[in-house]
């Protein structure tokens, strides 16, 4: 079988459903990949215990025939999304001890649908940047290199950690936020798919704001189909966000 970290999200979902791979094996393969690629600085916080616990729950649901749309799929979360009980900093020293007592709507819907949290990814501080070089936790490196050169390249920003993680096989998909290009640009820089949805399609509740009238959450993945699968879970009306579209 192809390495679990080389699968698309759709392929991994099919493999899990067919019993060719367990959610625990899939999560562990990605945790191992993250550990081997820390030089990229794509993650600012790894959550291996949480990931393996969620994966075990996913395996139990799959065994009972109760799999949800994203059951067992390991994802990364841009550090702009508040995650309950897990440090969320917007990659700023100001928030480096902040542990939210609540979950953002977008991430809560991913977990509701069975996804597994691998950790929080690096971004420009408070999402203000275009190269992911302004994070308190240091710059993110692209997994790609220019032909004939080993010089480090930026992954774009502000969602550079999420984009680099997807491109390097350190997750099957990731969340991002886009105010003026912060999903679209890093997706282009790293050769993956990123989508800034129409404003209001994804709730902004629980996301650290940059410019509320422009901010929008969206997915990263390796294929258009995978991105669409993630959007189906991320989008939806949220009464906690007054700009959320009810459709």
Protein backbone atom coordinates (compact mmCIF):
# COMPACT_ATOMS: atom_id res chain seq x y z
CA UNK A 1 0.00 0.00 0.00
CA UNK A 2 1.10 3.59 -0.65
CA UNK A 3 2.61 5.35 2.37
CA UNK A 4 -0.26 6.73 4.50
CA UNK A 5 1.19 10.24 4.29
CA UNK A 6 1.14 10.10 0.47
CA UNK A 7 -2.58 9.41 0.24
CA UNK A 8 -5.07 12.06 -0.69
CA UNK A 9 -7.78 12.74 1.86
CA UNK A 10 -10.34 10.94 -0.29
CA UNK A 11 -8.03 7.93 -0.73
CA UNK A 12 -7.38 7.76 3.01
CA UNK A 13 -11.10 7.92 3.75
CA UNK A 14 -11.71 5.02 1.35
CA UNK A 15 -8.85 3.00 2.87
CA UNK A 16 -10.23 3.53 6.38
CA UNK A 17 -13.72 2.49 5.30
CA UNK A 18 -12.34 -0.64 3.62
CA UNK A 19 -10.30 -1.64 6.66
CA UNK A 20 -7.00 -1.39 4.77
CA UNK A 21 -5.71 1.13 7.29
CA UNK A 22 -6.67 2.12 10.81
CA UNK A 23 -7.15 5.69 11.96
CA UNK A 24 -4.50 5.08 14.62
CA UNK A 25 -1.99 3.95 11.98
CA UNK A 26 -2.85 6.95 9.83
CA UNK A 27 -2.43 9.39 12.73
CA UNK A 28 0.84 7.81 13.87
CA UNK A 29 2.30 7.96 10.35
CA UNK A 30 1.60 11.69 10.25
CA UNK A 31 2.95 12.26 13.76
CA UNK A 32 6.16 10.49 12.72
CA UNK A 33 6.36 12.63 9.57
CA UNK A 34 5.92 15.80 11.63
CA UNK A 35 8.72 14.76 13.98
CA UNK A 36 11.03 14.10 11.03
CA UNK A 37 10.32 17.47 9.41
CA UNK A 38 10.53 19.89 12.34
CA UNK A 39 13.13 21.92 10.44
CA UNK A 40 10.26 23.30 8.35
CA UNK A 41 8.75 24.82 11.54
CA UNK A 42 5.29 24.20 10.11
CA UNK A 43 3.77 23.36 13.50
CA UNK A 44 3.95 25.55 16.59
CA UNK A 45 2.21 22.95 18.75
CA UNK A 46 1.96 19.19 18.22
CA UNK A 47 -0.87 17.33 19.95
CA UNK A 48 0.08 13.64 19.66
CA UNK A 49 -1.89 12.40 22.68
CA UNK A 50 -5.02 14.19 21.49
CA UNK A 51 -4.50 12.87 17.96
CA UNK A 52 -4.13 9.27 19.05
CA UNK A 53 -7.12 9.53 21.38
CA UNK A 54 -9.31 10.93 18.60
CA UNK A 55 -7.98 8.27 16.22
CA UNK A 56 -8.87 5.50 18.67
CA UNK A 57 -12.40 6.90 18.91
CA UNK A 58 -12.55 6.96 15.10
CA UNK A 59 -11.46 3.32 14.86
CA UNK A 60 -14.21 2.34 17.31
CA UNK A 61 -16.85 4.20 15.28
CA UNK A 62 -15.65 2.69 12.01
CA UNK A 63 -15.79 -0.80 13.55
CA UNK A 64 -19.42 -0.15 14.57
CA UNK A 65 -20.36 1.13 11.12
CA UNK A 66 -20.92 4.62 12.51
CA UNK A 67 -18.28 6.54 10.54
CA UNK A 68 -18.87 10.25 10.07
CA UNK A 69 -17.81 12.22 6.93
CA UNK A 70 -14.22 12.86 8.10
CA UNK A 71 -13.82 9.87 10.41
CA UNK A 72 -10.14 9.36 11.25
CA UNK A 73 -8.79 12.02 8.88
CA UNK A 74 -5.75 13.80 10.44
CA UNK A 75 -5.83 17.57 10.02
CA UNK A 76 -3.79 20.59 11.08
CA UNK A 77 -5.24 23.84 12.45
CA UNK A 78 -3.86 27.29 11.73
CA UNK A 79 -2.99 28.89 15.07
CA UNK A 80 -5.60 31.62 14.47
CA UNK A 81 -8.43 29.20 15.38
CA UNK A 82 -9.25 28.81 19.06
CA UNK A 83 -9.12 25.17 20.12
CA UNK A 84 -10.66 24.26 23.47
CA UNK A 85 -8.07 23.18 26.04
CA UNK A 86 -5.24 23.53 23.50
CA UNK A 87 -2.95 26.58 23.45
CA UNK A 88 -3.94 29.02 20.70
CA UNK A 89 -1.66 32.04 20.23
CA UNK A 90 -2.13 33.59 16.76
CA UNK A 91 1.67 33.09 16.79
CA UNK A 92 2.14 36.11 19.06
CA UNK A 93 4.09 36.36 22.30
CA UNK A 94 1.10 38.31 23.67
CA UNK A 95 -0.99 35.11 23.69
CA UNK A 96 1.70 32.52 24.30
CA UNK A 97 -0.05 31.18 27.43
CA UNK A 98 -3.64 31.47 26.18
CA UNK A 99 -5.62 28.22 26.39
CA UNK A 100 -9.15 28.83 25.09
CA UNK A 101 -12.10 27.49 27.13
CA UNK A 102 -14.09 27.25 23.87
CA UNK A 103 -13.75 25.86 20.33
CA UNK A 104 -14.05 27.84 17.11
CA UNK A 105 -17.10 26.94 15.05
CA UNK A 106 -15.04 25.77 12.07
CA UNK A 107 -12.86 23.40 14.08
CA UNK A 108 -15.79 22.17 16.16
CA UNK A 109 -17.52 21.13 12.93
CA UNK A 110 -14.41 19.28 11.75
CA UNK A 111 -14.24 17.35 15.05
CA UNK A 112 -18.01 16.79 14.93
CA UNK A 113 -17.49 15.06 11.60
CA UNK A 114 -14.73 12.81 12.95
CA UNK A 115 -11.48 14.55 11.98
CA UNK A 116 -8.34 14.07 14.08
CA UNK A 117 -6.31 17.04 15.37
CA UNK A 118 -2.54 16.77 14.80
CA UNK A 119 -1.68 20.22 16.14
CA UNK A 120 -1.57 23.94 15.44
CA UNK A 121 0.34 25.34 12.49
CA UNK A 122 2.55 28.40 12.23
CA UNK A 123 1.40 31.69 10.73
CA UNK A 124 2.50 35.30 10.50
CA UNK A 125 1.81 37.01 13.83
CA UNK A 126 -1.90 37.83 14.04
CA UNK A 127 -2.04 36.79 10.35
CA UNK A 128 -0.23 39.99 9.35
CA UNK A 129 2.27 39.00 6.66
CA UNK A 130 2.75 37.37 3.29
CA UNK A 131 5.76 35.12 3.82
CA UNK A 132 5.34 33.54 7.28
CA UNK A 133 8.45 35.27 8.57
CA UNK A 134 6.81 37.39 11.31
CA UNK A 135 5.72 34.60 13.67
CA UNK A 136 6.90 34.73 17.28
CA UNK A 137 7.84 31.07 16.80
CA UNK A 138 10.12 31.78 13.84
CA UNK A 139 9.83 31.49 10.09
CA UNK A 140 8.28 28.58 8.21
CA UNK A 141 10.26 26.97 5.39
CA UNK A 142 8.73 25.60 2.23
CA UNK A 143 9.32 21.88 1.65
CA UNK A 144 10.17 22.75 -1.97
CA UNK A 145 13.50 23.92 -3.38
CA UNK A 146 14.36 25.76 -6.57
CA UNK A 147 15.78 23.46 -9.25
CA UNK A 148 19.56 23.32 -8.90
CA UNK A 149 19.56 25.06 -5.53
CA UNK A 150 19.12 24.05 -1.90
CA UNK A 151 18.36 27.59 -0.73
CA UNK A 152 15.42 27.88 1.65
CA UNK A 153 12.19 29.27 0.23
CA UNK A 154 9.23 30.88 2.00
CA UNK A 155 5.85 29.09 1.81
CA UNK A 156 3.87 32.32 1.54
CA UNK A 157 1.67 33.70 4.25
CA UNK A 158 0.03 34.22 6.49
CA UNK A 159 -1.14 30.58 6.46
CA UNK A 160 2.33 29.30 5.55
CA UNK A 161 2.48 26.63 8.23
CA UNK A 162 -0.73 25.01 7.06
CA UNK A 163 0.33 25.16 3.41
CA UNK A 164 3.80 23.76 4.14
CA UNK A 165 2.32 20.98 6.27
CA UNK A 166 -0.06 19.88 3.51
CA UNK A 167 2.63 20.09 0.81
CA UNK A 168 5.14 18.13 2.91
CA UNK A 169 2.71 15.33 3.79
CA UNK A 170 2.46 16.34 7.45
CA UNK A 171 -1.37 16.27 7.39
CA UNK A 172 -4.11 15.38 4.91
CA UNK A 173 -5.63 18.85 5.07
CA UNK A 174 -5.51 22.02 7.11
CA UNK A 175 -7.44 25.15 7.98
CA UNK A 176 -6.36 28.61 6.95
CA UNK A 177 -7.63 32.17 7.10
CA UNK A 178 -7.58 34.66 4.24
CA UNK A 179 -7.95 38.42 4.60
CA UNK A 180 -6.06 39.64 1.54
CA UNK A 181 -4.61 36.44 0.11
CA UNK A 182 -3.45 34.42 3.11
CA UNK A 183 -4.90 31.12 1.85
CA UNK A 184 -4.61 31.67 -1.89
CA UNK A 185 -1.02 32.90 -1.94
CA UNK A 186 0.59 30.16 0.21
CA UNK A 187 -1.38 27.51 -1.70
CA UNK A 188 0.13 28.85 -4.91
CA UNK A 189 3.63 29.06 -3.39
CA UNK A 190 3.54 25.43 -2.23
CA UNK A 191 1.72 23.83 -5.16
CA UNK A 192 -1.40 22.72 -3.31
CA UNK A 193 -5.10 23.69 -3.36
CA UNK A 194 -6.43 26.45 -1.14
CA UNK A 195 -9.85 28.06 -1.12
CA UNK A 196 -11.04 31.40 0.22
CA UNK A 197 -14.81 30.84 0.25
CA UNK A 198 -17.41 33.52 -0.35
CA UNK A 199 -17.63 35.74 2.72
CA UNK A 200 -20.09 34.26 5.21
CA UNK A 201 -19.85 30.65 4.06
CA UNK A 202 -17.65 29.71 7.04
CA UNK A 203 -18.23 31.11 10.50
CA UNK A 204 -15.63 33.50 11.89
CA UNK A 205 -16.62 32.71 15.49
CA UNK A 206 -13.61 31.66 17.56
CA UNK A 207 -11.04 32.91 15.04
CA UNK A 208 -8.65 35.63 16.17
CA UNK A 209 -9.68 38.63 14.08
CA UNK A 210 -7.43 40.58 11.72
CA UNK A 211 -9.98 42.53 9.66
CA UNK A 212 -13.44 41.20 10.41
CA UNK A 213 -15.05 42.57 7.25
CA UNK A 214 -12.56 40.61 5.12
CA UNK A 215 -11.42 37.60 7.19
CA UNK A 216 -12.60 34.23 5.95
CA UNK A 217 -11.76 30.68 6.97
CA UNK A 218 -11.02 28.10 4.31
CA UNK A 219 -9.36 24.74 3.64
CA UNK A 220 -6.02 23.55 2.29
CA UNK A 221 -5.59 20.13 0.70
CA UNK A 222 -3.68 18.45 -2.12
CA UNK A 223 -6.59 18.10 -4.54
CA UNK A 224 -9.71 20.04 -5.45
CA UNK A 225 -11.85 17.09 -4.34
CA UNK A 226 -10.18 16.98 -0.93
CA UNK A 227 -10.71 20.70 -0.50
CA UNK A 228 -14.40 20.29 -1.35
CA UNK A 229 -14.73 17.48 1.20
CA UNK A 230 -13.29 19.74 3.91
CA UNK A 231 -15.50 22.68 2.89
CA UNK A 232 -18.60 20.54 3.29
CA UNK A 233 -17.77 20.19 7.00
CA UNK A 234 -16.34 23.67 7.59
CA UNK A 235 -19.17 25.68 6.02
CA UNK A 236 -22.63 26.25 7.41
CA UNK A 237 -24.81 28.80 9.12
CA UNK A 238 -23.74 29.85 12.61
CA UNK A 239 -26.03 32.07 14.72
CA UNK A 240 -22.95 33.15 16.73
CA UNK A 241 -21.60 34.97 13.64
CA UNK A 242 -23.91 37.76 12.44
CA UNK A 243 -22.29 37.69 8.98
CA UNK A 244 -22.83 33.94 8.57
CA UNK A 245 -24.90 33.06 5.50
CA UNK A 246 -28.01 31.01 6.19
CA UNK A 247 -27.86 28.66 3.20
